[in-house]
Amino acid sequence: MTNYYYLASDQKLGLGNASLDFVETEPWMIPGFDYPVQREIFNGVEKEWELRELLQYIRNYTAPYKVCTVQVAHLLNSDQVELRVQKKSNLQLHEIVDPKQLILQEGHLLTINKVPISQ
């Protein structure tokens, strides 16, 4: 059994940098996601620097879009347990002020929406 962070988006996600163990996947659906999963991060994301890197990755790949959505989930990948989301929450990208907001419990999916900030 291995802890994974799975990333999905309504836009194509890039590979990112080598600091996190991103793996490109063929787009596939996991029950509970609204979009196909495009990236996996082996062994999850736990350390503070990993959380900073994940947030920077999300900011970098949403930068070209005025509106987009990224979904991040922490799931246990095992032959004995079905991959599925058990809890969902939402945040707007501009509301994420601390990378620790990306710490997810097993089974939790966070939907991050990038929307124009009203002046």
PDB file of N, CA and C in Angstrom:
ATOM      1  N   MET A   1       0.842  -1.171   0.000  1.00  0.00           N
ATOM      2  CA  MET A   1       0.000   0.000   0.000  1.00  0.00           C
ATOM      3  C   MET A   1       0.892   1.241   0.000  1.00  0.00           C
ATOM      4  N   THR A   2       0.534   2.188  -0.851  1.00  0.00           N
ATOM      5  CA  THR A   2       1.317   3.406  -0.994  1.00  0.00           C
ATOM      6  C   THR A   2       0.397   4.608  -0.993  1.00  0.00           C
ATOM      7  N   ASN A   3       0.821   5.660  -0.308  1.00  0.00           N
ATOM      8  CA  ASN A   3       0.086   6.918  -0.325  1.00  0.00           C
ATOM      9  C   ASN A   3       0.451   7.696  -1.576  1.00  0.00           C
ATOM     10  N   TYR A   4      -0.556   8.174  -2.275  1.00  0.00           N
ATOM     11  CA  TYR A   4      -0.358   8.954  -3.481  1.00  0.00           C
ATOM     12  C   TYR A   4      -1.111  10.269  -3.353  1.00  0.00           C
ATOM     13  N   TYR A   5      -0.615  11.283  -4.016  1.00  0.00           N
ATOM     14  CA  TYR A   5      -1.398  12.477  -4.304  1.00  0.00           C
ATOM     15  C   TYR A   5      -1.701  12.379  -5.789  1.00  0.00           C
ATOM     16  N   TYR A   6      -2.958  12.519  -6.150  1.00  0.00           N
ATOM     17  CA  TYR A   6      -3.390  12.492  -7.539  1.00  0.00           C
ATOM     18  C   TYR A   6      -3.845  13.890  -7.919  1.00  0.00           C
ATOM     19  N   LEU A   7      -3.483  14.326  -9.138  1.00  0.00           N
ATOM     20  CA  LEU A   7      -3.867  15.647  -9.616  1.00  0.00           C
ATOM     21  C   LEU A   7      -4.662  15.521 -10.896  1.00  0.00           C
ATOM     22  N   ALA A   8      -5.751  16.267 -10.953  1.00  0.00           N
ATOM     23  CA  ALA A   8      -6.607  16.324 -12.136  1.00  0.00           C
ATOM     24  C   ALA A   8      -6.905  17.787 -12.410  1.00  0.00           C
ATOM     25  N   SER A   9      -7.266  18.095 -13.654  1.00  0.00           N
ATOM     26  CA  SER A   9      -7.576  19.480 -14.000  1.00  0.00           C
ATOM     27  C   SER A   9      -8.436  19.523 -15.246  1.00  0.00           C
ATOM     28  N   ASP A  10      -9.093  20.668 -15.413  1.00  0.00           N
ATOM     29  CA  ASP A  10      -9.832  20.893 -16.653  1.00  0.00           C
ATOM     30  C   ASP A  10      -8.901  21.402 -17.750  1.00  0.00           C
ATOM     31  N   GLN A  11      -7.621  21.608 -17.425  1.00  0.00           N
ATOM     32  CA  GLN A  11      -6.594  22.014 -18.382  1.00  0.00           C
ATOM     33  C   GLN A  11      -5.463  20.976 -18.341  1.00  0.00           C
ATOM     34  N   LYS A  12      -4.646  20.951 -19.394  1.00  0.00           N
ATOM     35  CA  LYS A  12      -3.521  20.012 -19.430  1.00  0.00           C
ATOM     36  C   LYS A  12      -2.457  20.441 -18.430  1.00  0.00           C
ATOM     37  N   LEU A  13      -2.061  19.532 -17.563  1.00  0.00           N
ATOM     38  CA  LEU A  13      -1.021  19.796 -16.578  1.00  0.00           C
ATOM     39  C   LEU A  13       0.338  19.408 -17.145  1.00  0.00           C
ATOM     40  N   GLY A  14       1.350  20.221 -16.882  1.00  0.00           N
ATOM     41  CA  GLY A  14       2.710  19.927 -17.320  1.00  0.00           C
ATOM     42  C   GLY A  14       3.424  19.033 -16.314  1.00  0.00           C
ATOM     43  N   LEU A  15       4.645  18.668 -16.653  1.00  0.00           N
ATOM     44  CA  LEU A  15       5.402  17.754 -15.801  1.00  0.00           C
ATOM     45  C   LEU A  15       5.920  18.393 -14.531  1.00  0.00           C
ATOM     46  N   GLY A  16       6.165  19.685 -14.510  1.00  0.00           N
ATOM     47  CA  GLY A  16       6.722  20.327 -13.318  1.00  0.00           C
ATOM     48  C   GLY A  16       8.219  20.123 -13.251  1.00  0.00           C
ATOM     49  N   ASN A  17       8.780  20.402 -12.074  1.00  0.00           N
ATOM     50  CA  ASN A  17      10.225  20.235 -11.927  1.00  0.00           C
ATOM     51  C   ASN A  17      10.519  18.907 -11.244  1.00  0.00           C
ATOM     52  N   ALA A  18      11.778  18.619 -11.081  1.00  0.00           N
ATOM     53  CA  ALA A  18      12.181  17.303 -10.574  1.00  0.00           C
ATOM     54  C   ALA A  18      12.154  17.199  -9.059  1.00  0.00           C
ATOM     55  N   SER A  19      11.773  18.254  -8.354  1.00  0.00           N
ATOM     56  CA  SER A  19      11.835  18.195  -6.899  1.00  0.00           C
ATOM     57  C   SER A  19      10.745  17.314  -6.287  1.00  0.00           C
ATOM     58  N   LEU A  20       9.591  17.212  -6.940  1.00  0.00           N
ATOM     59  CA  LEU A  20       8.552  16.278  -6.508  1.00  0.00           C
ATOM     60  C   LEU A  20       8.517  15.110  -7.481  1.00  0.00           C
ATOM     61  N   ASP A  21       8.128  13.967  -7.002  1.00  0.00           N
ATOM     62  CA  ASP A  21       8.129  12.758  -7.823  1.00  0.00           C
ATOM     63  C   ASP A  21       6.838  12.666  -8.646  1.00  0.00           C
ATOM     64  N   PHE A  22       6.670  13.630  -9.585  1.00  0.00           N
ATOM     65  CA  PHE A  22       5.499  13.653 -10.461  1.00  0.00           C
ATOM     66  C   PHE A  22       5.635  12.574 -11.520  1.00  0.00           C
ATOM     67  N   VAL A  23       4.549  11.877 -11.768  1.00  0.00           N
ATOM     68  CA  VAL A  23       4.511  10.894 -12.835  1.00  0.00           C
ATOM     69  C   VAL A  23       3.313  11.234 -13.710  1.00  0.00           C
ATOM     70  N   GLU A  24       3.559  11.366 -15.008  1.00  0.00           N
ATOM     71  CA  GLU A  24       2.471  11.620 -15.948  1.00  0.00           C
ATOM     72  C   GLU A  24       1.704  10.321 -16.152  1.00  0.00           C
ATOM     73  N   THR A  25       0.394  10.421 -16.164  1.00  0.00           N
ATOM     74  CA  THR A  25      -0.433   9.244 -16.407  1.00  0.00           C
ATOM     75  C   THR A  25      -1.284   9.484 -17.641  1.00  0.00           C
ATOM     76  N   GLU A  26      -1.727   8.413 -18.232  1.00  0.00           N
ATOM     77  CA  GLU A  26      -2.775   8.554 -19.235  1.00  0.00           C
ATOM     78  C   GLU A  26      -3.999   9.031 -18.479  1.00  0.00           C
ATOM     79  N   PRO A  27      -4.725  10.016 -19.013  1.00  0.00           N
ATOM     80  CA  PRO A  27      -5.894  10.498 -18.268  1.00  0.00           C
ATOM     81  C   PRO A  27      -6.863   9.357 -17.952  1.00  0.00           C
ATOM     82  N   TRP A  28      -7.241   9.243 -16.686  1.00  0.00           N
ATOM     83  CA  TRP A  28      -8.180   8.219 -16.233  1.00  0.00           C
ATOM     84  C   TRP A  28      -8.986   8.768 -15.075  1.00  0.00           C
ATOM     85  N   MET A  29     -10.152   8.207 -14.901  1.00  0.00           N
ATOM     86  CA  MET A  29     -11.076   8.697 -13.884  1.00  0.00           C
ATOM     87  C   MET A  29     -10.977   7.870 -12.608  1.00  0.00           C
ATOM     88  N   ILE A  30     -11.004   8.568 -11.482  1.00  0.00           N
ATOM     89  CA  ILE A  30     -11.136   7.953 -10.169  1.00  0.00           C
ATOM     90  C   ILE A  30     -12.480   8.440  -9.634  1.00  0.00           C
ATOM     91  N   PRO A  31     -13.319   7.553  -9.114  1.00  0.00           N
ATOM     92  CA  PRO A  31     -14.606   7.993  -8.581  1.00  0.00           C
ATOM     93  C   PRO A  31     -14.441   9.128  -7.564  1.00  0.00           C
ATOM     94  N   GLY A  32     -15.187  10.194  -7.780  1.00  0.00           N
ATOM     95  CA  GLY A  32     -15.132  11.368  -6.915  1.00  0.00           C
ATOM     96  C   GLY A  32     -14.478  12.562  -7.576  1.00  0.00           C
ATOM     97  N   PHE A  33     -13.613  12.323  -8.561  1.00  0.00           N
ATOM     98  CA  PHE A  33     -12.997  13.412  -9.320  1.00  0.00           C
ATOM     99  C   PHE A  33     -13.966  13.906 -10.383  1.00  0.00           C
ATOM    100  N   ASP A  34     -13.875  15.188 -10.714  1.00  0.00           N
ATOM    101  CA  ASP A  34     -14.678  15.761 -11.795  1.00  0.00           C
ATOM    102  C   ASP A  34     -13.942  15.745 -13.129  1.00  0.00           C
ATOM    103  N   TYR A  35     -12.630  15.559 -13.073  1.00  0.00           N
ATOM    104  CA  TYR A  35     -11.789  15.591 -14.275  1.00  0.00           C
ATOM    105  C   TYR A  35     -10.869  14.376 -14.262  1.00  0.00           C
ATOM    106  N   PRO A  36     -10.354  13.999 -15.429  1.00  0.00           N
ATOM    107  CA  PRO A  36      -9.419  12.866 -15.470  1.00  0.00           C
ATOM    108  C   PRO A  36      -8.118  13.171 -14.715  1.00  0.00           C
ATOM    109  N   VAL A  37      -7.624  12.183 -14.001  1.00  0.00           N
ATOM    110  CA  VAL A  37      -6.339  12.295 -13.315  1.00  0.00           C
ATOM    111  C   VAL A  37      -5.237  12.351 -14.362  1.00  0.00           C
ATOM    112  N   GLN A  38      -4.318  13.308 -14.195  1.00  0.00           N
ATOM    113  CA  GLN A  38      -3.222  13.479 -15.149  1.00  0.00           C
ATOM    114  C   GLN A  38      -1.843  13.253 -14.527  1.00  0.00           C
ATOM    115  N   ARG A  39      -1.737  13.403 -13.205  1.00  0.00           N
ATOM    116  CA  ARG A  39      -0.446  13.286 -12.525  1.00  0.00           C
ATOM    117  C   ARG A  39      -0.611  12.514 -11.222  1.00  0.00           C
ATOM    118  N   GLU A  40       0.459  11.812 -10.866  1.00  0.00           N
ATOM    119  CA  GLU A  40       0.542  11.124  -9.581  1.00  0.00           C
ATOM    120  C   GLU A  40       1.806  11.605  -8.885  1.00  0.00           C
ATOM    121  N   ILE A  41       1.747  11.675  -7.573  1.00  0.00           N
ATOM    122  CA  ILE A  41       2.945  11.932  -6.773  1.00  0.00           C
ATOM    123  C   ILE A  41       3.066  10.758  -5.815  1.00  0.00           C
ATOM    124  N   PHE A  42       4.114   9.931  -6.030  1.00  0.00           N
ATOM    125  CA  PHE A  42       4.345   8.773  -5.169  1.00  0.00           C
ATOM    126  C   PHE A  42       4.675   9.220  -3.749  1.00  0.00           C
ATOM    127  N   ASN A  43       4.248   8.433  -2.784  1.00  0.00           N
ATOM    128  CA  ASN A  43       4.531   8.653  -1.369  1.00  0.00           C
ATOM    129  C   ASN A  43       3.960   9.955  -0.827  1.00  0.00           C
ATOM    130  N   GLY A  44       2.984  10.505  -1.503  1.00  0.00           N
ATOM    131  CA  GLY A  44       2.282  11.675  -0.998  1.00  0.00           C
ATOM    132  C   GLY A  44       3.130  12.924  -0.896  1.00  0.00           C
ATOM    133  N   VAL A  45       2.601  13.880  -0.171  1.00  0.00           N
ATOM    134  CA  VAL A  45       3.249  15.169   0.049  1.00  0.00           C
ATOM    135  C   VAL A  45       3.068  15.474   1.529  1.00  0.00           C
ATOM    136  N   GLU A  46       4.167  15.496   2.268  1.00  0.00           N
ATOM    137  CA  GLU A  46       4.069  15.688   3.710  1.00  0.00           C
ATOM    138  C   GLU A  46       4.976  16.783   4.243  1.00  0.00           C
ATOM    139  N   LYS A  47       6.158  16.875   3.689  1.00  0.00           N
ATOM    140  CA  LYS A  47       7.129  17.843   4.200  1.00  0.00           C
ATOM    141  C   LYS A  47       6.778  19.246   3.727  1.00  0.00           C
ATOM    142  N   GLU A  48       7.183  20.231   4.521  1.00  0.00           N
ATOM    143  CA  GLU A  48       6.845  21.619   4.204  1.00  0.00           C
ATOM    144  C   GLU A  48       7.364  22.032   2.825  1.00  0.00           C
ATOM    145  N   TRP A  49       8.579  21.621   2.469  1.00  0.00           N
ATOM    146  CA  TRP A  49       9.122  22.007   1.171  1.00  0.00           C
ATOM    147  C   TRP A  49       8.321  21.356   0.036  1.00  0.00           C
ATOM    148  N   GLU A  50       7.809  20.143   0.258  1.00  0.00           N
ATOM    149  CA  GLU A  50       6.999  19.472  -0.752  1.00  0.00           C
ATOM    150  C   GLU A  50       5.675  20.208  -0.958  1.00  0.00           C
ATOM    151  N   LEU A  51       5.096  20.677   0.138  1.00  0.00           N
ATOM    152  CA  LEU A  51       3.857  21.449   0.041  1.00  0.00           C
ATOM    153  C   LEU A  51       4.082  22.748  -0.714  1.00  0.00           C
ATOM    154  N   ARG A  52       5.209  23.421  -0.444  1.00  0.00           N
ATOM    155  CA  ARG A  52       5.551  24.661  -1.180  1.00  0.00           C
ATOM    156  C   ARG A  52       5.719  24.374  -2.667  1.00  0.00           C
ATOM    157  N   GLU A  53       6.391  23.274  -2.978  1.00  0.00           N
ATOM    158  CA  GLU A  53       6.600  22.907  -4.385  1.00  0.00           C
ATOM    159  C   GLU A  53       5.278  22.586  -5.081  1.00  0.00           C
ATOM    160  N   LEU A  54       4.389  21.884  -4.382  1.00  0.00           N
ATOM    161  CA  LEU A  54       3.089  21.555  -4.957  1.00  0.00           C
ATOM    162  C   LEU A  54       2.282  22.825  -5.220  1.00  0.00           C
ATOM    163  N   LEU A  55       2.257  23.744  -4.271  1.00  0.00           N
ATOM    164  CA  LEU A  55       1.536  25.000  -4.470  1.00  0.00           C
ATOM    165  C   LEU A  55       2.137  25.794  -5.616  1.00  0.00           C
ATOM    166  N   GLN A  56       3.462  25.833  -5.704  1.00  0.00           N
ATOM    167  CA  GLN A  56       4.098  26.550  -6.809  1.00  0.00           C
ATOM    168  C   GLN A  56       3.762  25.897  -8.150  1.00  0.00           C
ATOM    169  N   TYR A  57       3.756  24.577  -8.176  1.00  0.00           N
ATOM    170  CA  TYR A  57       3.372  23.850  -9.386  1.00  0.00           C
ATOM    171  C   TYR A  57       1.963  24.254  -9.824  1.00  0.00           C
ATOM    172  N   ILE A  58       1.023  24.242  -8.881  1.00  0.00           N
ATOM    173  CA  ILE A  58      -0.363  24.599  -9.202  1.00  0.00           C
ATOM    174  C   ILE A  58      -0.438  26.038  -9.705  1.00  0.00           C
ATOM    175  N   ARG A  59       0.257  26.952  -9.047  1.00  0.00           N
ATOM    176  CA  ARG A  59       0.254  28.358  -9.483  1.00  0.00           C
ATOM    177  C   ARG A  59       0.865  28.506 -10.873  1.00  0.00           C
ATOM    178  N   ASN A  60       1.960  27.814 -11.129  1.00  0.00           N
ATOM    179  CA  ASN A  60       2.615  27.914 -12.439  1.00  0.00           C
ATOM    180  C   ASN A  60       1.707  27.428 -13.566  1.00  0.00           C
ATOM    181  N   TYR A  61       1.030  26.313 -13.352  1.00  0.00           N
ATOM    182  CA  TYR A  61       0.237  25.733 -14.438  1.00  0.00           C
ATOM    183  C   TYR A  61      -1.155  26.325 -14.574  1.00  0.00           C
ATOM    184  N   THR A  62      -1.575  27.108 -13.603  1.00  0.00           N
ATOM    185  CA  THR A  62      -2.841  27.824 -13.757  1.00  0.00           C
ATOM    186  C   THR A  62      -2.619  29.249 -14.243  1.00  0.00           C
ATOM    187  N   ALA A  63      -1.377  29.717 -14.221  1.00  0.00           N
ATOM    188  CA  ALA A  63      -1.069  31.109 -14.581  1.00  0.00           C
ATOM    189  C   ALA A  63      -1.620  31.544 -15.940  1.00  0.00           C
ATOM    190  N   PRO A  64      -1.551  30.737 -16.998  1.00  0.00           N
ATOM    191  CA  PRO A  64      -2.037  31.209 -18.305  1.00  0.00           C
ATOM    192  C   PRO A  64      -3.557  31.327 -18.411  1.00  0.00           C
ATOM    193  N   TYR A  65      -4.292  30.844 -17.442  1.00  0.00           N
ATOM    194  CA  TYR A  65      -5.746  30.786 -17.544  1.00  0.00           C
ATOM    195  C   TYR A  65      -6.404  31.773 -16.581  1.00  0.00           C
ATOM    196  N   LYS A  66      -7.463  32.416 -17.045  1.00  0.00           N
ATOM    197  CA  LYS A  66      -8.229  33.294 -16.156  1.00  0.00           C
ATOM    198  C   LYS A  66      -9.078  32.468 -15.199  1.00  0.00           C
ATOM    199  N   VAL A  67      -9.608  31.379 -15.717  1.00  0.00           N
ATOM    200  CA  VAL A  67     -10.450  30.494 -14.926  1.00  0.00           C
ATOM    201  C   VAL A  67     -10.013  29.060 -15.205  1.00  0.00           C
ATOM    202  N   CYS A  68      -9.792  28.299 -14.157  1.00  0.00           N
ATOM    203  CA  CYS A  68      -9.497  26.875 -14.310  1.00  0.00           C
ATOM    204  C   CYS A  68      -9.636  26.192 -12.956  1.00  0.00           C
ATOM    205  N   THR A  69      -9.587  24.886 -12.986  1.00  0.00           N
ATOM    206  CA  THR A  69      -9.766  24.085 -11.783  1.00  0.00           C
ATOM    207  C   THR A  69      -8.691  23.007 -11.727  1.00  0.00           C
ATOM    208  N   VAL A  70      -8.132  22.823 -10.537  1.00  0.00           N
ATOM    209  CA  VAL A  70      -7.200  21.730 -10.270  1.00  0.00           C
ATOM    210  C   VAL A  70      -7.758  20.967  -9.082  1.00  0.00           C
ATOM    211  N   GLN A  71      -7.775  19.660  -9.187  1.00  0.00           N
ATOM    212  CA  GLN A  71      -8.208  18.819  -8.077  1.00  0.00           C
ATOM    213  C   GLN A  71      -7.016  18.003  -7.588  1.00  0.00           C
ATOM    214  N   VAL A  72      -6.858  17.957  -6.272  1.00  0.00           N
ATOM    215  CA  VAL A  72      -5.769  17.237  -5.635  1.00  0.00           C
ATOM    216  C   VAL A  72      -6.386  16.299  -4.604  1.00  0.00           C
ATOM    217  N   ALA A  73      -5.975  15.036  -4.634  1.00  0.00           N
ATOM    218  CA  ALA A  73      -6.503  14.077  -3.658  1.00  0.00           C
ATOM    219  C   ALA A  73      -5.380  13.251  -3.068  1.00  0.00           C
ATOM    220  N   HIS A  74      -5.525  12.899  -1.812  1.00  0.00           N
ATOM    221  CA  HIS A  74      -4.607  12.003  -1.113  1.00  0.00           C
ATOM    222  C   HIS A  74      -5.328  10.666  -0.970  1.00  0.00           C
ATOM    223  N   LEU A  75      -4.856   9.679  -1.708  1.00  0.00           N
ATOM    224  CA  LEU A  75      -5.508   8.367  -1.703  1.00  0.00           C
ATOM    225  C   LEU A  75      -4.486   7.266  -1.453  1.00  0.00           C
ATOM    226  N   LEU A  76      -4.952   6.198  -0.881  1.00  0.00           N
ATOM    227  CA  LEU A  76      -4.138   5.019  -0.651  1.00  0.00           C
ATOM    228  C   LEU A  76      -4.295   4.103  -1.855  1.00  0.00           C
ATOM    229  N   ASN A  77      -3.193   3.761  -2.498  1.00  0.00           N
ATOM    230  CA  ASN A  77      -3.231   2.898  -3.665  1.00  0.00           C
ATOM    231  C   ASN A  77      -2.872   1.482  -3.212  1.00  0.00           C
ATOM    232  N   SER A  78      -3.843   0.594  -3.299  1.00  0.00           N
ATOM    233  CA  SER A  78      -3.661  -0.772  -2.826  1.00  0.00           C
ATOM    234  C   SER A  78      -4.544  -1.702  -3.642  1.00  0.00           C
ATOM    235  N   ASP A  79      -4.110  -2.930  -3.779  1.00  0.00           N
ATOM    236  CA  ASP A  79      -4.938  -3.927  -4.437  1.00  0.00           C
ATOM    237  C   ASP A  79      -6.136  -4.310  -3.568  1.00  0.00           C
ATOM    238  N   GLN A  80      -6.067  -3.997  -2.280  1.00  0.00           N
ATOM    239  CA  GLN A  80      -7.101  -4.408  -1.343  1.00  0.00           C
ATOM    240  C   GLN A  80      -8.155  -3.323  -1.096  1.00  0.00           C
ATOM    241  N   VAL A  81      -7.875  -2.090  -1.500  1.00  0.00           N
ATOM    242  CA  VAL A  81      -8.777  -0.969  -1.243  1.00  0.00           C
ATOM    243  C   VAL A  81      -9.096  -0.283  -2.567  1.00  0.00           C
ATOM    244  N   GLU A  82     -10.382  -0.038  -2.819  1.00  0.00           N
ATOM    245  CA  GLU A  82     -10.788   0.654  -4.044  1.00  0.00           C
ATOM    246  C   GLU A  82     -10.387   2.125  -3.967  1.00  0.00           C
ATOM    247  N   LEU A  83      -9.808   2.627  -5.059  1.00  0.00           N
ATOM    248  CA  LEU A  83      -9.467   4.050  -5.136  1.00  0.00           C
ATOM    249  C   LEU A  83     -10.754   4.848  -5.245  1.00  0.00           C
ATOM    250  N   ARG A  84     -11.052   5.640  -4.221  1.00  0.00           N
ATOM    251  CA  ARG A  84     -12.203   6.517  -4.332  1.00  0.00           C
ATOM    252  C   ARG A  84     -12.114   7.605  -3.273  1.00  0.00           C
ATOM    253  N   VAL A  85     -12.702   8.730  -3.605  1.00  0.00           N
ATOM    254  CA  VAL A  85     -12.708   9.894  -2.741  1.00  0.00           C
ATOM    255  C   VAL A  85     -13.779   9.718  -1.677  1.00  0.00           C
ATOM    256  N   GLN A  86     -13.438  10.039  -0.437  1.00  0.00           N
ATOM    257  CA  GLN A  86     -14.386   9.914   0.665  1.00  0.00           C
ATOM    258  C   GLN A  86     -14.879  11.266   1.174  1.00  0.00           C
ATOM    259  N   LYS A  87     -14.101  12.324   0.970  1.00  0.00           N
ATOM    260  CA  LYS A  87     -14.468  13.651   1.458  1.00  0.00           C
ATOM    261  C   LYS A  87     -13.982  14.685   0.447  1.00  0.00           C
ATOM    262  N   LYS A  88     -14.786  15.740   0.246  1.00  0.00           N
ATOM    263  CA  LYS A  88     -14.426  16.798  -0.700  1.00  0.00           C
ATOM    264  C   LYS A  88     -14.484  18.158  -0.026  1.00  0.00           C
ATOM    265  N   SER A  89     -13.608  19.050  -0.488  1.00  0.00           N
ATOM    266  CA  SER A  89     -13.663  20.446  -0.061  1.00  0.00           C
ATOM    267  C   SER A  89     -13.210  21.318  -1.223  1.00  0.00           C
ATOM    268  N   ASN A  90     -13.470  22.619  -1.106  1.00  0.00           N
ATOM    269  CA  ASN A  90     -13.144  23.582  -2.163  1.00  0.00           C
ATOM    270  C   ASN A  90     -12.397  24.774  -1.586  1.00  0.00           C
ATOM    271  N   LEU A  91     -11.503  25.315  -2.388  1.00  0.00           N
ATOM    272  CA  LEU A  91     -10.806  26.561  -2.077  1.00  0.00           C
ATOM    273  C   LEU A  91     -10.590  27.310  -3.381  1.00  0.00           C
ATOM    274  N   GLN A  92     -10.555  28.621  -3.283  1.00  0.00           N
ATOM    275  CA  GLN A  92     -10.129  29.403  -4.437  1.00  0.00           C
ATOM    276  C   GLN A  92      -8.620  29.580  -4.323  1.00  0.00           C
ATOM    277  N   LEU A  93      -7.941  29.567  -5.461  1.00  0.00           N
ATOM    278  CA  LEU A  93      -6.484  29.620  -5.469  1.00  0.00           C
ATOM    279  C   LEU A  93      -5.963  30.831  -4.703  1.00  0.00           C
ATOM    280  N   HIS A  94      -6.582  31.980  -4.885  1.00  0.00           N
ATOM    281  CA  HIS A  94      -6.080  33.178  -4.202  1.00  0.00           C
ATOM    282  C   HIS A  94      -6.305  33.126  -2.686  1.00  0.00           C
ATOM    283  N   GLU A  95      -7.108  32.190  -2.194  1.00  0.00           N
ATOM    284  CA  GLU A  95      -7.328  32.030  -0.757  1.00  0.00           C
ATOM    285  C   GLU A  95      -6.250  31.169  -0.092  1.00  0.00           C
ATOM    286  N   ILE A  96      -5.420  30.524  -0.893  1.00  0.00           N
ATOM    287  CA  ILE A  96      -4.359  29.690  -0.329  1.00  0.00           C
ATOM    288  C   ILE A  96      -3.179  30.598   0.006  1.00  0.00           C
ATOM    289  N   VAL A  97      -3.004  30.846   1.292  1.00  0.00           N
ATOM    290  CA  VAL A  97      -1.938  31.741   1.754  1.00  0.00           C
ATOM    291  C   VAL A  97      -0.810  30.960   2.427  1.00  0.00           C
ATOM    292  N   ASP A  98      -1.061  29.703   2.738  1.00  0.00           N
ATOM    293  CA  ASP A  98      -0.070  28.865   3.405  1.00  0.00           C
ATOM    294  C   ASP A  98      -0.074  27.495   2.719  1.00  0.00           C
ATOM    295  N   PRO A  99       1.097  27.020   2.278  1.00  0.00           N
ATOM    296  CA  PRO A  99       1.146  25.705   1.624  1.00  0.00           C
ATOM    297  C   PRO A  99       0.572  24.578   2.481  1.00  0.00           C
ATOM    298  N   LYS A 100       0.527  24.747   3.795  1.00  0.00           N
ATOM    299  CA  LYS A 100      -0.020  23.715   4.669  1.00  0.00           C
ATOM    300  C   LYS A 100      -1.509  23.495   4.428  1.00  0.00           C
ATOM    301  N   GLN A 101      -2.157  24.426   3.735  1.00  0.00           N
ATOM    302  CA  GLN A 101      -3.561  24.232   3.376  1.00  0.00           C
ATOM    303  C   GLN A 101      -3.723  23.086   2.384  1.00  0.00           C
ATOM    304  N   LEU A 102      -2.614  22.607   1.810  1.00  0.00           N
ATOM    305  CA  LEU A 102      -2.642  21.492   0.863  1.00  0.00           C
ATOM    306  C   LEU A 102      -2.427  20.140   1.545  1.00  0.00           C
ATOM    307  N   ILE A 103      -2.261  20.137   2.873  1.00  0.00           N
ATOM    308  CA  ILE A 103      -2.159  18.868   3.589  1.00  0.00           C
ATOM    309  C   ILE A 103      -3.547  18.225   3.583  1.00  0.00           C
ATOM    310  N   LEU A 104      -3.611  17.027   3.049  1.00  0.00           N
ATOM    311  CA  LEU A 104      -4.886  16.326   2.928  1.00  0.00           C
ATOM    312  C   LEU A 104      -4.839  15.007   3.689  1.00  0.00           C
ATOM    313  N   GLN A 105      -5.914  14.689   4.346  1.00  0.00           N
ATOM    314  CA  GLN A 105      -6.055  13.391   4.988  1.00  0.00           C
ATOM    315  C   GLN A 105      -6.332  12.347   3.903  1.00  0.00           C
ATOM    316  N   GLU A 106      -6.041  11.099   4.203  1.00  0.00           N
ATOM    317  CA  GLU A 106      -6.310  10.024   3.252  1.00  0.00           C
ATOM    318  C   GLU A 106      -7.793  10.026   2.872  1.00  0.00           C
ATOM    319  N   GLY A 107      -8.069   9.964   1.576  1.00  0.00           N
ATOM    320  CA  GLY A 107      -9.436   9.940   1.063  1.00  0.00           C
ATOM    321  C   GLY A 107     -10.017  11.309   0.771  1.00  0.00           C
ATOM    322  N   HIS A 108      -9.266  12.372   1.055  1.00  0.00           N
ATOM    323  CA  HIS A 108      -9.763  13.741   0.894  1.00  0.00           C
ATOM    324  C   HIS A 108      -9.363  14.299  -0.476  1.00  0.00           C
ATOM    325  N   LEU A 109     -10.319  14.939  -1.141  1.00  0.00           N
ATOM    326  CA  LEU A 109     -10.086  15.614  -2.420  1.00  0.00           C
ATOM    327  C   LEU A 109     -10.329  17.107  -2.223  1.00  0.00           C
ATOM    328  N   LEU A 110      -9.372  17.917  -2.644  1.00  0.00           N
ATOM    329  CA  LEU A 110      -9.471  19.367  -2.583  1.00  0.00           C
ATOM    330  C   LEU A 110      -9.603  19.896  -4.004  1.00  0.00           C
ATOM    331  N   THR A 111     -10.674  20.638  -4.263  1.00  0.00           N
ATOM    332  CA  THR A 111     -10.857  21.293  -5.556  1.00  0.00           C
ATOM    333  C   THR A 111     -10.413  22.733  -5.405  1.00  0.00           C
ATOM    334  N   ILE A 112      -9.440  23.126  -6.235  1.00  0.00           N
ATOM    335  CA  ILE A 112      -8.891  24.478  -6.208  1.00  0.00           C
ATOM    336  C   ILE A 112      -9.350  25.184  -7.473  1.00  0.00           C
ATOM    337  N   ASN A 113     -10.108  26.249  -7.292  1.00  0.00           N
ATOM    338  CA  ASN A 113     -10.625  27.016  -8.426  1.00  0.00           C
ATOM    339  C   ASN A 113      -9.838  28.308  -8.569  1.00  0.00           C
ATOM    340  N   LYS A 114      -9.367  28.550  -9.777  1.00  0.00           N
ATOM    341  CA  LYS A 114      -8.769  29.846 -10.090  1.00  0.00           C
ATOM    342  C   LYS A 114      -9.845  30.669 -10.767  1.00  0.00           C
ATOM    343  N   VAL A 115     -10.159  31.792 -10.168  1.00  0.00           N
ATOM    344  CA  VAL A 115     -11.169  32.693 -10.692  1.00  0.00           C
ATOM    345  C   VAL A 115     -10.610  34.105 -10.646  1.00  0.00           C
ATOM    346  N   PRO A 116     -11.124  35.005 -11.489  1.00  0.00           N
ATOM    347  CA  PRO A 116     -10.667  36.392 -11.409  1.00  0.00           C
ATOM    348  C   PRO A 116     -11.021  36.974 -10.035  1.00  0.00           C
ATOM    349  N   ILE A 117     -10.097  37.711  -9.476  1.00  0.00           N
ATOM    350  CA  ILE A 117     -10.335  38.360  -8.190  1.00  0.00           C
ATOM    351  C   ILE A 117     -11.019  39.684  -8.455  1.00  0.00           C
ATOM    352  N   SER A 118     -12.194  39.883  -7.855  1.00  0.00           N
ATOM    353  CA  SER A 118     -12.911  41.141  -8.062  1.00  0.00           C
ATOM    354  C   SER A 118     -12.209  42.255  -7.302  1.00  0.00           C
ATOM    355  N   GLN A 119     -12.109  43.393  -7.939  1.00  0.00           N
ATOM    356  CA  GLN A 119     -11.420  44.543  -7.345  1.00  0.00           C
ATOM    357  C   GLN A 119     -12.332  45.329  -6.458  1.00  0.00           C
TER     358      GLN A 119
END
